[in-house]
Protein backbone atom coordinates (compact mmCIF):
# COMPACT_ATOMS: atom_id res chain seq x y z
CA MET A 1 4.42 -7.14 18.20
CA THR A 2 6.98 -4.36 18.03
CA GLY A 3 8.71 -2.59 15.20
CA VAL A 4 8.84 0.62 13.24
CA LEU A 5 6.31 0.68 10.42
CA LEU A 6 6.29 3.27 7.63
CA ILE A 7 3.07 3.47 5.63
CA THR A 8 3.05 5.54 2.45
CA GLY A 9 -0.35 6.96 1.63
CA GLY A 10 -1.33 6.43 5.25
CA ALA A 11 -3.71 9.36 5.67
CA SER A 12 -6.81 7.65 4.31
CA GLY A 13 -8.40 4.42 3.19
CA ILE A 14 -6.48 1.17 3.50
CA GLY A 15 -3.32 2.95 4.67
CA ALA A 16 -5.05 4.77 7.53
CA GLU A 17 -6.86 1.64 8.70
CA THR A 18 -3.61 -0.30 8.62
CA ALA A 19 -1.91 2.41 10.67
CA ARG A 20 -4.56 2.33 13.39
CA ARG A 21 -4.57 -1.46 13.64
CA ALA A 22 -0.79 -1.71 13.53
CA ALA A 23 -0.44 0.73 16.42
CA ARG A 24 -2.79 -1.41 18.52
CA ARG A 25 -0.40 -4.31 17.92
CA GLY A 26 2.56 -2.35 19.21
CA TYR A 27 4.11 -0.87 16.09
CA LYS A 28 5.49 2.64 16.08
CA VAL A 29 3.85 4.05 12.96
CA ALA A 30 5.02 6.73 10.52
CA ILE A 31 2.05 7.92 8.47
CA ASN A 32 3.09 9.41 5.15
CA TYR A 33 0.85 11.83 3.26
CA ARG A 34 1.17 14.13 0.27
CA THR A 35 -1.65 16.68 0.64
CA ARG A 36 -3.98 15.28 3.32
CA ASP A 37 -2.14 16.77 6.27
CA SER A 38 -5.17 17.18 8.53
CA GLN A 39 -6.28 13.60 7.89
CA ALA A 40 -2.81 12.20 8.56
CA MET A 41 -2.53 14.18 11.77
CA GLY A 42 -5.99 12.98 12.72
CA VAL A 43 -4.92 9.35 12.33
CA ALA A 44 -1.81 10.03 14.42
CA ALA A 45 -3.98 11.71 17.07
CA ASP A 46 -6.35 8.73 17.12
CA ILE A 47 -3.38 6.43 17.73
CA ALA A 48 -2.00 8.65 20.49
CA ALA A 49 -5.42 8.68 22.16
CA GLU A 50 -5.09 4.90 22.49
CA ASP A 51 -1.58 5.22 23.94
CA GLY A 52 0.11 4.29 20.67
CA GLU A 53 3.02 6.00 18.96
CA ALA A 54 2.61 7.64 15.57
CA VAL A 55 3.88 10.57 13.54
CA ALA A 56 2.52 12.14 10.35
CA LEU A 57 5.21 12.90 7.76
CA PRO A 58 4.79 14.63 4.38
CA GLY A 59 6.32 13.31 1.19
CA ASN A 60 5.42 13.05 -2.49
CA MET A 61 5.99 9.49 -3.67
CA ALA A 62 6.69 10.75 -7.17
CA ASN A 63 9.73 12.67 -5.91
CA GLU A 64 12.92 10.74 -5.18
CA ALA A 65 14.41 13.34 -2.84
CA GLU A 66 11.22 13.46 -0.78
CA ILE A 67 11.17 9.66 -0.52
CA VAL A 68 14.72 9.61 0.85
CA ARG A 69 13.86 12.40 3.29
CA LEU A 70 10.77 10.48 4.45
CA PHE A 71 12.84 7.42 5.34
CA ASP A 72 15.50 9.52 7.05
CA GLU A 73 12.89 11.42 9.07
CA THR A 74 11.09 8.24 10.11
CA GLU A 75 14.33 6.82 11.44
CA ARG A 76 15.19 10.07 13.17
CA VAL A 77 11.91 9.89 15.09
CA PHE A 78 11.57 6.16 15.76
CA GLY A 79 14.85 4.44 14.91
CA LYS A 80 15.44 1.75 12.30
CA ILE A 81 12.52 0.96 10.00
CA THR A 82 11.58 -2.70 10.28
CA HIS A 83 8.36 -2.79 8.25
CA LEU A 84 7.06 -0.94 5.19
CA VAL A 85 3.64 -0.76 3.56
CA ASN A 86 3.54 0.90 0.16
CA SER A 87 -0.06 2.07 0.02
CA ALA A 88 0.32 5.39 -1.82
CA GLY A 89 -1.31 5.41 -5.22
CA PHE A 90 -4.11 6.81 -7.31
CA SER A 91 -6.30 5.94 -10.26
CA ARG A 92 -7.57 7.78 -13.32
CA GLN A 93 -10.66 6.59 -15.17
CA MET A 94 -10.04 6.96 -18.89
CA ARG A 95 -10.38 5.02 -22.09
CA VAL A 96 -7.25 4.21 -24.06
CA GLU A 97 -8.07 6.67 -26.84
CA ASP A 98 -8.11 9.43 -24.21
CA TYR A 99 -4.61 8.71 -22.87
CA ASP A 100 -2.04 11.47 -22.68
CA ALA A 101 1.62 11.09 -21.82
CA ARG A 102 1.48 13.35 -18.75
CA THR A 103 -1.30 11.36 -17.07
CA LEU A 104 0.41 8.05 -17.79
CA THR A 105 3.73 9.38 -16.52
CA ASP A 106 2.12 10.63 -13.31
CA LEU A 107 0.38 7.29 -12.73
CA PHE A 108 3.55 5.26 -13.13
CA ALA A 109 5.66 7.80 -11.20
CA THR A 110 3.62 7.31 -8.02
CA ASN A 111 2.13 3.82 -8.37
CA ALA A 112 5.22 2.01 -9.66
CA VAL A 113 8.44 4.05 -9.70
CA GLY A 114 7.85 5.67 -6.31
CA LEU A 115 7.01 2.30 -4.80
CA MET A 116 10.23 0.82 -6.21
CA LEU A 117 12.27 3.68 -4.77
CA CYS A 118 10.66 3.13 -1.37
CA CYS A 119 11.68 -0.52 -1.60
CA ARG A 120 15.20 0.59 -2.51
CA GLU A 121 15.39 2.73 0.61
CA ALA A 122 14.00 -0.10 2.73
CA ALA A 123 16.55 -2.57 1.34
CA ARG A 124 19.41 -0.18 2.07
CA ARG A 125 18.31 -0.09 5.70
CA MET A 126 16.86 -3.58 6.34
CA SER A 127 19.16 -5.92 4.43
CA THR A 128 21.58 -7.96 6.50
CA LYS A 129 24.01 -7.45 3.61
CA ASN A 130 23.93 -3.75 4.44
CA GLY A 131 24.17 -4.21 8.19
CA GLY A 132 20.43 -4.28 8.83
CA LYS A 133 18.41 -6.82 10.79
CA GLY A 134 15.88 -7.71 8.09
CA GLY A 135 12.25 -6.68 7.80
CA ALA A 136 8.98 -7.13 5.96
CA ILE A 137 7.40 -5.17 3.12
CA VAL A 138 3.87 -5.26 1.73
CA ASN A 139 3.11 -3.57 -1.58
CA VAL A 140 -0.53 -2.66 -2.12
CA SER A 141 -1.35 -3.78 -5.64
CA SER A 142 -4.85 -4.38 -7.04
CA PHE A 143 -6.93 -7.23 -8.35
CA ALA A 144 -6.96 -5.16 -11.55
CA ALA A 145 -3.40 -6.38 -12.12
CA THR A 146 -4.78 -9.87 -12.80
CA SER A 147 -7.55 -8.84 -15.19
CA GLY A 148 -6.65 -5.52 -16.80
CA GLY A 149 -9.20 -3.77 -14.62
CA ARG A 150 -12.76 -2.67 -15.16
CA PRO A 151 -13.54 -0.47 -18.18
CA GLY A 152 -11.53 2.74 -17.99
CA SER A 153 -8.93 1.34 -15.59
CA SER A 154 -6.44 -0.25 -17.97
CA ALA A 155 -3.64 2.24 -17.26
CA TYR A 156 -4.10 1.88 -13.52
CA ALA A 157 -4.11 -1.91 -13.93
CA ALA A 158 -0.84 -1.69 -15.84
CA THR A 159 0.83 0.16 -12.96
CA LYS A 160 -0.31 -2.55 -10.56
CA GLY A 161 0.87 -5.29 -12.91
CA ALA A 162 4.28 -3.64 -12.68
CA VAL A 163 4.04 -3.70 -8.88
CA ASP A 164 3.38 -7.46 -8.86
CA ALA A 165 6.22 -8.26 -11.28
CA PHE A 166 8.60 -6.11 -9.26
CA THR A 167 7.46 -7.69 -5.98
CA ARG A 168 8.32 -11.18 -7.24
CA GLY A 169 11.75 -10.17 -8.48
CA PHE A 170 12.65 -8.01 -5.49
CA ALA A 171 11.55 -10.73 -3.06
CA ARG A 172 13.97 -13.20 -4.63
CA GLU A 173 16.82 -10.68 -4.51
CA VAL A 174 16.54 -10.09 -0.78
CA ALA A 175 15.10 -13.38 0.50
CA GLY A 176 18.53 -14.40 1.80
CA GLU A 177 19.08 -11.02 3.43
CA GLY A 178 16.30 -11.16 6.00
CA ILE A 179 13.66 -9.24 4.02
CA ARG A 180 10.27 -10.61 3.04
CA VAL A 181 8.31 -8.87 0.26
CA ASN A 182 4.71 -9.59 -0.68
CA SER A 183 1.84 -7.78 -2.34
CA ILE A 184 -1.85 -7.69 -1.61
CA ARG A 185 -4.39 -7.25 -4.41
CA PRO A 186 -7.62 -5.68 -3.13
CA GLY A 187 -10.72 -5.76 -5.25
CA MET A 188 -13.34 -3.03 -5.02
CA VAL A 189 -13.12 -1.71 -1.46
CA LEU A 190 -15.17 1.07 0.07
CA SER A 191 -12.65 3.83 0.79
CA GLU A 192 -12.05 7.49 0.04
CA MET A 193 -10.84 6.54 -3.43
CA THR A 194 -14.05 4.69 -4.36
CA GLU A 195 -16.80 6.13 -2.18
CA GLY A 196 -17.78 8.77 -4.76
CA ARG A 197 -18.58 6.15 -7.39
CA LEU A 198 -20.10 3.74 -4.89
CA ARG A 199 -22.61 6.36 -3.74
CA ASP A 200 -24.34 5.73 -7.07
CA ALA A 201 -26.74 2.94 -6.12
CA ALA A 202 -27.00 1.59 -9.66
CA PHE A 203 -23.21 1.49 -10.04
CA ARG A 204 -22.73 -0.19 -6.67
CA SER A 205 -25.40 -2.77 -7.44
CA LYS A 206 -23.70 -3.58 -10.74
CA ILE A 207 -20.30 -3.90 -9.06
CA GLU A 208 -21.60 -6.11 -6.27
CA ALA A 209 -23.39 -8.34 -8.74
CA SER A 210 -20.06 -8.93 -10.49
CA ILE A 211 -18.30 -10.10 -7.30
CA PRO A 212 -18.79 -13.74 -6.23
CA MET A 213 -19.34 -12.67 -2.59
CA HIS A 214 -21.87 -10.05 -3.84
CA ARG A 215 -20.44 -7.16 -1.83
CA VAL A 216 -17.55 -4.72 -1.86
CA GLY A 217 -14.71 -5.05 0.61
CA ARG A 218 -14.06 -3.10 3.78
CA THR A 219 -10.79 -1.45 4.71
CA PRO A 220 -10.37 -3.44 7.98
CA GLU A 221 -10.44 -6.66 5.94
CA ILE A 222 -7.54 -5.49 3.80
CA ALA A 223 -5.63 -4.02 6.74
CA ASP A 224 -5.77 -7.29 8.65
CA ALA A 225 -4.41 -9.18 5.66
CA ILE A 226 -1.56 -6.68 5.35
CA LEU A 227 -0.73 -7.05 9.03
CA PHE A 228 -0.65 -10.82 8.67
CA LEU A 229 1.90 -10.51 5.86
CA LEU A 230 3.99 -8.16 7.99
CA SER A 231 3.88 -10.47 11.00
CA ASP A 232 6.05 -13.38 12.05
CA GLN A 233 3.05 -15.61 11.33
CA ALA A 234 3.98 -15.16 7.66
CA SER A 235 7.67 -15.85 8.26
CA PHE A 236 7.97 -18.34 5.35
CA ILE A 237 5.93 -16.29 2.88
CA THR A 238 7.69 -14.06 0.36
CA GLY A 239 7.24 -13.16 -3.29
CA THR A 240 3.52 -13.88 -2.97
CA MET A 241 0.42 -12.03 -4.13
CA ILE A 242 -2.69 -12.37 -1.96
CA ASP A 243 -6.02 -11.60 -3.62
CA ALA A 244 -8.47 -9.88 -1.26
CA ALA A 245 -11.26 -9.39 -3.74
CA GLY A 246 -14.27 -11.42 -2.64
CA GLY A 247 -13.53 -14.09 -5.23
CA GLY A 248 -12.66 -11.77 -8.11
CA TYR A 249 -15.13 -11.36 -10.93
CA ILE A 250 -18.08 -13.45 -12.07
CA ILE A 251 -17.39 -14.31 -15.69
């Protein structure tokens, strides 16, 4: 498979694993990062060591000008973007009574608004209406969007609920213009974002007991699902949410 793939939040976790696996399938990969420059460059170096093509590009997904620059720079290096994975995002554990406007604004700015602006830039370049040749987009949501999240994750869950609603609407807008848009909803996955909490044996045991498959997910499992949605094997799939959560929660 060939194409130019931009991955936001590609320096670690699901994004980094997707980048490595995509490069092995022939994609040219632009790995976006905000602060993890050494990690992003390390992923790019790993890909180059396997004769793949990758570049690490900075950009804050809460900043519109930086998003536009990221897309422009990706195309300057590799040519037209054909695939996009919106993996950038973060979580804050807090109860509702501890909310403050700044934290909520920051969460939505990156997890929802930044993702929407990335989709805007992709549509401007991919849509056949705009002279493009089409493409595929995968938005990384969360199983929390379906349930409101575990205790302390309600604000994060709300940002991911916004991602799913947007994905459905956006997919319908551009379905006739050669662009497919889907989201994937991971459950608890062992990654840089969760490994601190999962080091606590009691916490991990409690989490795994709540999952029907009785284990947390692994980043390669999510990356492979993302790559399926990007591929021509999913050519008739758009506006869909795929749960990759081990069966969800035991009620």
